[in-house]
PDB file of N, CA and C in Angstrom:
ATOM      1  N   MET A   1     -13.152  -1.868 -15.261  1.00  0.00           N
ATOM      2  CA  MET A   1     -12.536  -2.166 -13.989  1.00  0.00           C
ATOM      3  C   MET A   1     -11.304  -1.258 -13.834  1.00  0.00           C
ATOM      4  N   GLY A   2     -11.193  -0.698 -12.672  1.00  0.00           N
ATOM      5  CA  GLY A   2     -10.060   0.192 -12.410  1.00  0.00           C
ATOM      6  C   GLY A   2      -8.818  -0.585 -12.073  1.00  0.00           C
ATOM      7  N   GLU A   3      -7.709   0.121 -12.102  1.00  0.00           N
ATOM      8  CA  GLU A   3      -6.419  -0.500 -11.821  1.00  0.00           C
ATOM      9  C   GLU A   3      -6.360  -1.092 -10.416  1.00  0.00           C
ATOM     10  N   LEU A   4      -6.905  -0.412  -9.439  1.00  0.00           N
ATOM     11  CA  LEU A   4      -6.855  -0.923  -8.067  1.00  0.00           C
ATOM     12  C   LEU A   4      -7.648  -2.225  -7.922  1.00  0.00           C
ATOM     13  N   GLU A   5      -8.792  -2.258  -8.608  1.00  0.00           N
ATOM     14  CA  GLU A   5      -9.646  -3.461  -8.579  1.00  0.00           C
ATOM     15  C   GLU A   5      -8.868  -4.666  -9.223  1.00  0.00           C
ATOM     16  N   ARG A   6      -8.162  -4.341 -10.334  1.00  0.00           N
ATOM     17  CA  ARG A   6      -7.425  -5.366 -11.035  1.00  0.00           C
ATOM     18  C   ARG A   6      -6.303  -5.909 -10.152  1.00  0.00           C
ATOM     19  N   ILE A   7      -5.635  -5.014  -9.449  1.00  0.00           N
ATOM     20  CA  ILE A   7      -4.561  -5.427  -8.530  1.00  0.00           C
ATOM     21  C   ILE A   7      -5.094  -6.277  -7.394  1.00  0.00           C
ATOM     22  N   ALA A   8      -6.228  -5.855  -6.818  1.00  0.00           N
ATOM     23  CA  ALA A   8      -6.864  -6.618  -5.744  1.00  0.00           C
ATOM     24  C   ALA A   8      -7.244  -8.038  -6.223  1.00  0.00           C
ATOM     25  N   GLN A   9      -7.773  -8.155  -7.402  1.00  0.00           N
ATOM     26  CA  GLN A   9      -8.183  -9.462  -7.947  1.00  0.00           C
ATOM     27  C   GLN A   9      -6.916 -10.332  -8.155  1.00  0.00           C
ATOM     28  N   GLU A  10      -5.820  -9.737  -8.665  1.00  0.00           N
ATOM     29  CA  GLU A  10      -4.613 -10.506  -8.898  1.00  0.00           C
ATOM     30  C   GLU A  10      -3.994 -10.983  -7.571  1.00  0.00           C
ATOM     31  N   LEU A  11      -4.068 -10.156  -6.545  1.00  0.00           N
ATOM     32  CA  LEU A  11      -3.565 -10.546  -5.225  1.00  0.00           C
ATOM     33  C   LEU A  11      -4.399 -11.734  -4.691  1.00  0.00           C
ATOM     34  N   GLU A  12      -5.709 -11.683  -4.874  1.00  0.00           N
ATOM     35  CA  GLU A  12      -6.577 -12.788  -4.432  1.00  0.00           C
ATOM     36  C   GLU A  12      -6.218 -14.047  -5.223  1.00  0.00           C
ATOM     37  N   ARG A  13      -6.064 -13.957  -6.526  1.00  0.00           N
ATOM     38  CA  ARG A  13      -5.738 -15.124  -7.329  1.00  0.00           C
ATOM     39  C   ARG A  13      -4.413 -15.727  -6.960  1.00  0.00           C
ATOM     40  N   SER A  14      -3.438 -14.850  -6.628  1.00  0.00           N
ATOM     41  CA  SER A  14      -2.096 -15.364  -6.359  1.00  0.00           C
ATOM     42  C   SER A  14      -1.970 -15.909  -4.921  1.00  0.00           C
ATOM     43  N   GLY A  15      -3.006 -15.654  -4.090  1.00  0.00           N
ATOM     44  CA  GLY A  15      -2.954 -16.148  -2.705  1.00  0.00           C
ATOM     45  C   GLY A  15      -2.175 -15.183  -1.809  1.00  0.00           C
ATOM     46  N   LYS A  16      -1.846 -14.020  -2.265  1.00  0.00           N
ATOM     47  CA  LYS A  16      -1.035 -13.096  -1.473  1.00  0.00           C
ATOM     48  C   LYS A  16      -1.842 -12.051  -0.741  1.00  0.00           C
ATOM     49  N   ALA A  17      -3.166 -11.996  -1.007  1.00  0.00           N
ATOM     50  CA  ALA A  17      -4.000 -10.937  -0.424  1.00  0.00           C
ATOM     51  C   ALA A  17      -3.964 -10.981   1.083  1.00  0.00           C
ATOM     52  N   GLY A  18      -4.010 -12.199   1.663  1.00  0.00           N
ATOM     53  CA  GLY A  18      -3.988 -12.315   3.135  1.00  0.00           C
ATOM     54  C   GLY A  18      -2.691 -11.786   3.726  1.00  0.00           C
ATOM     55  N   ASP A  19      -1.565 -12.038   3.038  1.00  0.00           N
ATOM     56  CA  ASP A  19      -0.269 -11.537   3.498  1.00  0.00           C
ATOM     57  C   ASP A  19      -0.254 -10.030   3.452  1.00  0.00           C
ATOM     58  N   VAL A  20      -0.800  -9.451   2.391  1.00  0.00           N
ATOM     59  CA  VAL A  20      -0.831  -7.989   2.262  1.00  0.00           C
ATOM     60  C   VAL A  20      -1.724  -7.404   3.348  1.00  0.00           C
ATOM     61  N   ARG A  21      -2.857  -8.027   3.637  1.00  0.00           N
ATOM     62  CA  ARG A  21      -3.758  -7.585   4.683  1.00  0.00           C
ATOM     63  C   ARG A  21      -3.044  -7.619   6.057  1.00  0.00           C
ATOM     64  N   ALA A  22      -2.269  -8.652   6.281  1.00  0.00           N
ATOM     65  CA  ALA A  22      -1.558  -8.828   7.549  1.00  0.00           C
ATOM     66  C   ALA A  22      -0.519  -7.662   7.683  1.00  0.00           C
ATOM     67  N   LEU A  23       0.135  -7.296   6.595  1.00  0.00           N
ATOM     68  CA  LEU A  23       1.056  -6.166   6.647  1.00  0.00           C
ATOM     69  C   LEU A  23       0.306  -4.886   6.977  1.00  0.00           C
ATOM     70  N   ALA A  24      -0.825  -4.704   6.392  1.00  0.00           N
ATOM     71  CA  ALA A  24      -1.578  -3.483   6.661  1.00  0.00           C
ATOM     72  C   ALA A  24      -2.048  -3.428   8.116  1.00  0.00           C
ATOM     73  N   GLU A  25      -2.333  -4.564   8.714  1.00  0.00           N
ATOM     74  CA  GLU A  25      -2.760  -4.609  10.122  1.00  0.00           C
ATOM     75  C   GLU A  25      -1.587  -4.665  11.086  1.00  0.00           C
ATOM     76  N   SER A  26      -0.368  -4.773  10.601  1.00  0.00           N
ATOM     77  CA  SER A  26       0.776  -4.806  11.490  1.00  0.00           C
ATOM     78  C   SER A  26       0.942  -3.477  12.238  1.00  0.00           C
ATOM     79  N   PRO A  27       1.682  -3.439  13.319  1.00  0.00           N
ATOM     80  CA  PRO A  27       1.902  -2.163  14.011  1.00  0.00           C
ATOM     81  C   PRO A  27       2.439  -1.049  13.089  1.00  0.00           C
ATOM     82  N   GLU A  28       3.332  -1.399  12.179  1.00  0.00           N
ATOM     83  CA  GLU A  28       3.835  -0.390  11.249  1.00  0.00           C
ATOM     84  C   GLU A  28       2.716   0.095  10.315  1.00  0.00           C
ATOM     85  N   GLY A  29       1.974  -0.837   9.807  1.00  0.00           N
ATOM     86  CA  GLY A  29       0.859  -0.482   8.947  1.00  0.00           C
ATOM     87  C   GLY A  29      -0.154   0.405   9.626  1.00  0.00           C
ATOM     88  N   GLN A  30      -0.446   0.107  10.871  1.00  0.00           N
ATOM     89  CA  GLN A  30      -1.412   0.935  11.638  1.00  0.00           C
ATOM     90  C   GLN A  30      -0.857   2.339  11.858  1.00  0.00           C
ATOM     91  N   ARG A  31       0.435   2.458  12.142  1.00  0.00           N
ATOM     92  CA  ARG A  31       1.003   3.806  12.371  1.00  0.00           C
ATOM     93  C   ARG A  31       0.976   4.625  11.071  1.00  0.00           C
ATOM     94  N   LEU A  32       1.287   3.979   9.971  1.00  0.00           N
ATOM     95  CA  LEU A  32       1.239   4.692   8.699  1.00  0.00           C
ATOM     96  C   LEU A  32      -0.198   5.115   8.326  1.00  0.00           C
ATOM     97  N   ARG A  33      -1.123   4.268   8.602  1.00  0.00           N
ATOM     98  CA  ARG A  33      -2.541   4.587   8.360  1.00  0.00           C
ATOM     99  C   ARG A  33      -2.947   5.806   9.127  1.00  0.00           C
ATOM    100  N   GLU A  34      -2.467   5.959  10.353  1.00  0.00           N
ATOM    101  CA  GLU A  34      -2.756   7.169  11.173  1.00  0.00           C
ATOM    102  C   GLU A  34      -2.117   8.395  10.606  1.00  0.00           C
ATOM    103  N   MET A  35      -0.996   8.246   9.943  1.00  0.00           N
ATOM    104  CA  MET A  35      -0.280   9.416   9.375  1.00  0.00           C
ATOM    105  C   MET A  35      -0.869   9.898   8.051  1.00  0.00           C
ATOM    106  N   LEU A  36      -1.510   9.000   7.318  1.00  0.00           N
ATOM    107  CA  LEU A  36      -1.944   9.353   5.992  1.00  0.00           C
ATOM    108  C   LEU A  36      -3.407   9.792   5.984  1.00  0.00           C
ATOM    109  N   ASP A  37      -3.771  10.601   5.050  1.00  0.00           N
ATOM    110  CA  ASP A  37      -5.116  11.100   4.824  1.00  0.00           C
ATOM    111  C   ASP A  37      -5.801  10.167   3.772  1.00  0.00           C
ATOM    112  N   GLY A  38      -6.613   9.283   4.300  1.00  0.00           N
ATOM    113  CA  GLY A  38      -7.284   8.288   3.420  1.00  0.00           C
ATOM    114  C   GLY A  38      -8.131   8.936   2.307  1.00  0.00           C
ATOM    115  N   GLU A  39      -8.779  10.034   2.649  1.00  0.00           N
ATOM    116  CA  GLU A  39      -9.617  10.739   1.631  1.00  0.00           C
ATOM    117  C   GLU A  39      -8.748  11.285   0.543  1.00  0.00           C
ATOM    118  N   ALA A  40      -7.600  11.836   0.894  1.00  0.00           N
ATOM    119  CA  ALA A  40      -6.686  12.403  -0.120  1.00  0.00           C
ATOM    120  C   ALA A  40      -6.133  11.302  -1.043  1.00  0.00           C
ATOM    121  N   ILE A  41      -5.854  10.117  -0.442  1.00  0.00           N
ATOM    122  CA  ILE A  41      -5.371   9.006  -1.243  1.00  0.00           C
ATOM    123  C   ILE A  41      -6.454   8.539  -2.190  1.00  0.00           C
ATOM    124  N   GLU A  42      -7.640   8.375  -1.680  1.00  0.00           N
ATOM    125  CA  GLU A  42      -8.770   7.938  -2.489  1.00  0.00           C
ATOM    126  C   GLU A  42      -9.066   8.881  -3.636  1.00  0.00           C
ATOM    127  N   LYS A  43      -9.053  10.196  -3.311  1.00  0.00           N
ATOM    128  CA  LYS A  43      -9.290  11.183  -4.354  1.00  0.00           C
ATOM    129  C   LYS A  43      -8.203  11.162  -5.415  1.00  0.00           C
ATOM    130  N   ALA A  44      -6.962  11.073  -5.005  1.00  0.00           N
ATOM    131  CA  ALA A  44      -5.864  11.065  -5.993  1.00  0.00           C
ATOM    132  C   ALA A  44      -5.943   9.792  -6.866  1.00  0.00           C
ATOM    133  N   ALA A  45      -6.249   8.681  -6.260  1.00  0.00           N
ATOM    134  CA  ALA A  45      -6.402   7.426  -7.034  1.00  0.00           C
ATOM    135  C   ALA A  45      -7.577   7.527  -7.998  1.00  0.00           C
ATOM    136  N   ARG A  46      -8.693   8.030  -7.522  1.00  0.00           N
ATOM    137  CA  ARG A  46      -9.894   8.111  -8.358  1.00  0.00           C
ATOM    138  C   ARG A  46      -9.643   9.037  -9.552  1.00  0.00           C
ATOM    139  N   GLU A  47      -8.912  10.109  -9.285  1.00  0.00           N
ATOM    140  CA  GLU A  47      -8.676  11.104 -10.339  1.00  0.00           C
ATOM    141  C   GLU A  47      -7.431  10.785 -11.200  1.00  0.00           C
ATOM    142  N   GLY A  48      -6.729   9.713 -10.817  1.00  0.00           N
ATOM    143  CA  GLY A  48      -5.517   9.368 -11.598  1.00  0.00           C
ATOM    144  C   GLY A  48      -4.369  10.317 -11.385  1.00  0.00           C
ATOM    145  N   ASP A  49      -4.334  10.975 -10.218  1.00  0.00           N
ATOM    146  CA  ASP A  49      -3.282  11.960  -9.923  1.00  0.00           C
ATOM    147  C   ASP A  49      -2.020  11.273  -9.447  1.00  0.00           C
ATOM    148  N   SER A  50      -1.230  10.843 -10.403  1.00  0.00           N
ATOM    149  CA  SER A  50      -0.047  10.066 -10.060  1.00  0.00           C
ATOM    150  C   SER A  50       0.952  10.849  -9.309  1.00  0.00           C
ATOM    151  N   ALA A  51       1.055  12.192  -9.581  1.00  0.00           N
ATOM    152  CA  ALA A  51       2.040  13.027  -8.889  1.00  0.00           C
ATOM    153  C   ALA A  51       1.684  13.113  -7.388  1.00  0.00           C
ATOM    154  N   ALA A  52       0.431  13.235  -7.064  1.00  0.00           N
ATOM    155  CA  ALA A  52      -0.009  13.260  -5.677  1.00  0.00           C
ATOM    156  C   ALA A  52       0.268  11.937  -5.008  1.00  0.00           C
ATOM    157  N   LEU A  53      -0.054  10.847  -5.695  1.00  0.00           N
ATOM    158  CA  LEU A  53       0.206   9.498  -5.113  1.00  0.00           C
ATOM    159  C   LEU A  53       1.723   9.257  -4.927  1.00  0.00           C
ATOM    160  N   GLN A  54       2.502   9.721  -5.833  1.00  0.00           N
ATOM    161  CA  GLN A  54       3.969   9.564  -5.692  1.00  0.00           C
ATOM    162  C   GLN A  54       4.477  10.370  -4.497  1.00  0.00           C
ATOM    163  N   GLY A  55       3.928  11.556  -4.309  1.00  0.00           N
ATOM    164  CA  GLY A  55       4.307  12.360  -3.171  1.00  0.00           C
ATOM    165  C   GLY A  55       3.935  11.695  -1.854  1.00  0.00           C
ATOM    166  N   MET A  56       2.754  11.060  -1.818  1.00  0.00           N
ATOM    167  CA  MET A  56       2.361  10.350  -0.617  1.00  0.00           C
ATOM    168  C   MET A  56       3.256   9.151  -0.363  1.00  0.00           C
ATOM    169  N   LEU A  57       3.594   8.476  -1.416  1.00  0.00           N
ATOM    170  CA  LEU A  57       4.489   7.321  -1.294  1.00  0.00           C
ATOM    171  C   LEU A  57       5.856   7.749  -0.792  1.00  0.00           C
ATOM    172  N   ARG A  58       6.361   8.847  -1.311  1.00  0.00           N
ATOM    173  CA  ARG A  58       7.656   9.326  -0.813  1.00  0.00           C
ATOM    174  C   ARG A  58       7.586   9.691   0.655  1.00  0.00           C
ATOM    175  N   GLN A  59       6.447  10.266   1.071  1.00  0.00           N
ATOM    176  CA  GLN A  59       6.274  10.608   2.498  1.00  0.00           C
ATOM    177  C   GLN A  59       6.298   9.322   3.339  1.00  0.00           C
ATOM    178  N   VAL A  60       5.650   8.296   2.872  1.00  0.00           N
ATOM    179  CA  VAL A  60       5.611   7.029   3.599  1.00  0.00           C
ATOM    180  C   VAL A  60       7.028   6.382   3.678  1.00  0.00           C
ATOM    181  N   LEU A  61       7.683   6.403   2.516  1.00  0.00           N
ATOM    182  CA  LEU A  61       9.004   5.748   2.467  1.00  0.00           C
ATOM    183  C   LEU A  61      10.100   6.507   3.235  1.00  0.00           C
ATOM    184  N   ALA A  62       9.767   7.739   3.609  1.00  0.00           N
ATOM    185  CA  ALA A  62      10.732   8.545   4.411  1.00  0.00           C
ATOM    186  C   ALA A  62      10.686   8.152   5.857  1.00  0.00           C
ATOM    187  N   THR A  63       9.729   7.292   6.248  1.00  0.00           N
ATOM    188  CA  THR A  63       9.643   6.877   7.607  1.00  0.00           C
ATOM    189  C   THR A  63      10.185   5.438   7.847  1.00  0.00           C
ATOM    190  N   ARG A  64      10.622   5.196   9.066  1.00  0.00           N
ATOM    191  CA  ARG A  64      11.140   3.877   9.379  1.00  0.00           C
ATOM    192  C   ARG A  64      10.049   2.807   9.113  1.00  0.00           C
ATOM    193  N   GLU A  65       8.807   3.125   9.550  1.00  0.00           N
ATOM    194  CA  GLU A  65       7.726   2.190   9.379  1.00  0.00           C
ATOM    195  C   GLU A  65       7.468   1.892   7.881  1.00  0.00           C
ATOM    196  N   GLY A  66       7.508   2.952   7.084  1.00  0.00           N
ATOM    197  CA  GLY A  66       7.272   2.790   5.648  1.00  0.00           C
ATOM    198  C   GLY A  66       8.369   1.936   4.985  1.00  0.00           C
ATOM    199  N   GLN A  67       9.588   2.115   5.387  1.00  0.00           N
ATOM    200  CA  GLN A  67      10.702   1.365   4.848  1.00  0.00           C
ATOM    201  C   GLN A  67      10.564  -0.104   5.245  1.00  0.00           C
ATOM    202  N   THR A  68      10.209  -0.338   6.499  1.00  0.00           N
ATOM    203  CA  THR A  68      10.027  -1.713   6.974  1.00  0.00           C
ATOM    204  C   THR A  68       8.913  -2.393   6.204  1.00  0.00           C
ATOM    205  N   LEU A  69       7.784  -1.726   6.046  1.00  0.00           N
ATOM    206  CA  LEU A  69       6.653  -2.325   5.303  1.00  0.00           C
ATOM    207  C   LEU A  69       7.030  -2.567   3.825  1.00  0.00           C
ATOM    208  N   ALA A  70       7.766  -1.663   3.258  1.00  0.00           N
ATOM    209  CA  ALA A  70       8.162  -1.830   1.879  1.00  0.00           C
ATOM    210  C   ALA A  70       9.038  -3.085   1.708  1.00  0.00           C
ATOM    211  N   GLN A  71       9.959  -3.279   2.645  1.00  0.00           N
ATOM    212  CA  GLN A  71      10.811  -4.467   2.586  1.00  0.00           C
ATOM    213  C   GLN A  71       9.993  -5.738   2.750  1.00  0.00           C
ATOM    214  N   ARG A  72       9.059  -5.713   3.700  1.00  0.00           N
ATOM    215  CA  ARG A  72       8.218  -6.868   3.972  1.00  0.00           C
ATOM    216  C   ARG A  72       7.281  -7.157   2.763  1.00  0.00           C
ATOM    217  N   LEU A  73       6.776  -6.115   2.149  1.00  0.00           N
ATOM    218  CA  LEU A  73       5.901  -6.248   1.002  1.00  0.00           C
ATOM    219  C   LEU A  73       6.694  -6.831  -0.183  1.00  0.00           C
ATOM    220  N   ARG A  74       7.901  -6.362  -0.368  1.00  0.00           N
ATOM    221  CA  ARG A  74       8.736  -6.914  -1.440  1.00  0.00           C
ATOM    222  C   ARG A  74       8.909  -8.420  -1.264  1.00  0.00           C
ATOM    223  N   LYS A  75       9.175  -8.843  -0.022  1.00  0.00           N
ATOM    224  CA  LYS A  75       9.349 -10.281   0.227  1.00  0.00           C
ATOM    225  C   LYS A  75       8.109 -11.069  -0.068  1.00  0.00           C
ATOM    226  N   VAL A  76       6.934 -10.514   0.345  1.00  0.00           N
ATOM    227  CA  VAL A  76       5.658 -11.173   0.108  1.00  0.00           C
ATOM    228  C   VAL A  76       5.452 -11.331  -1.422  1.00  0.00           C
ATOM    229  N   MET A  77       5.683 -10.226  -2.128  1.00  0.00           N
ATOM    230  CA  MET A  77       5.431 -10.290  -3.580  1.00  0.00           C
ATOM    231  C   MET A  77       6.402 -11.166  -4.329  1.00  0.00           C
ATOM    232  N   GLU A  78       7.638 -11.316  -3.780  1.00  0.00           N
ATOM    233  CA  GLU A  78       8.630 -12.231  -4.390  1.00  0.00           C
ATOM    234  C   GLU A  78       8.437 -13.636  -3.957  1.00  0.00           C
ATOM    235  N   GLY A  79       7.503 -13.900  -3.007  1.00  0.00           N
ATOM    236  CA  GLY A  79       7.249 -15.243  -2.532  1.00  0.00           C
ATOM    237  C   GLY A  79       8.276 -15.750  -1.552  1.00  0.00           C
ATOM    238  N   LYS A  80       8.972 -14.872  -0.852  1.00  0.00           N
ATOM    239  CA  LYS A  80      10.001 -15.277   0.066  1.00  0.00           C
ATOM    240  C   LYS A  80       9.458 -15.332   1.488  1.00  0.00           C
TER     241      LYS A  80
END
């Protein structure tokens, strides 16, 4: 089982998967999805290219939408 699958299962077990999905479907999440290249993310994840993934994450966090989502995700993961 890959790392992403393990994370998805843990989110389901913890009951936080729905909250994470809601963040992804939020207006900020939709705008970020439009900005990112899904194929590039999938390829980097499949190949374990952490440098590429970190670069993409930096790109996301440089935006207002990315910062807002990161704050909201932190609250979800902390149970707040």
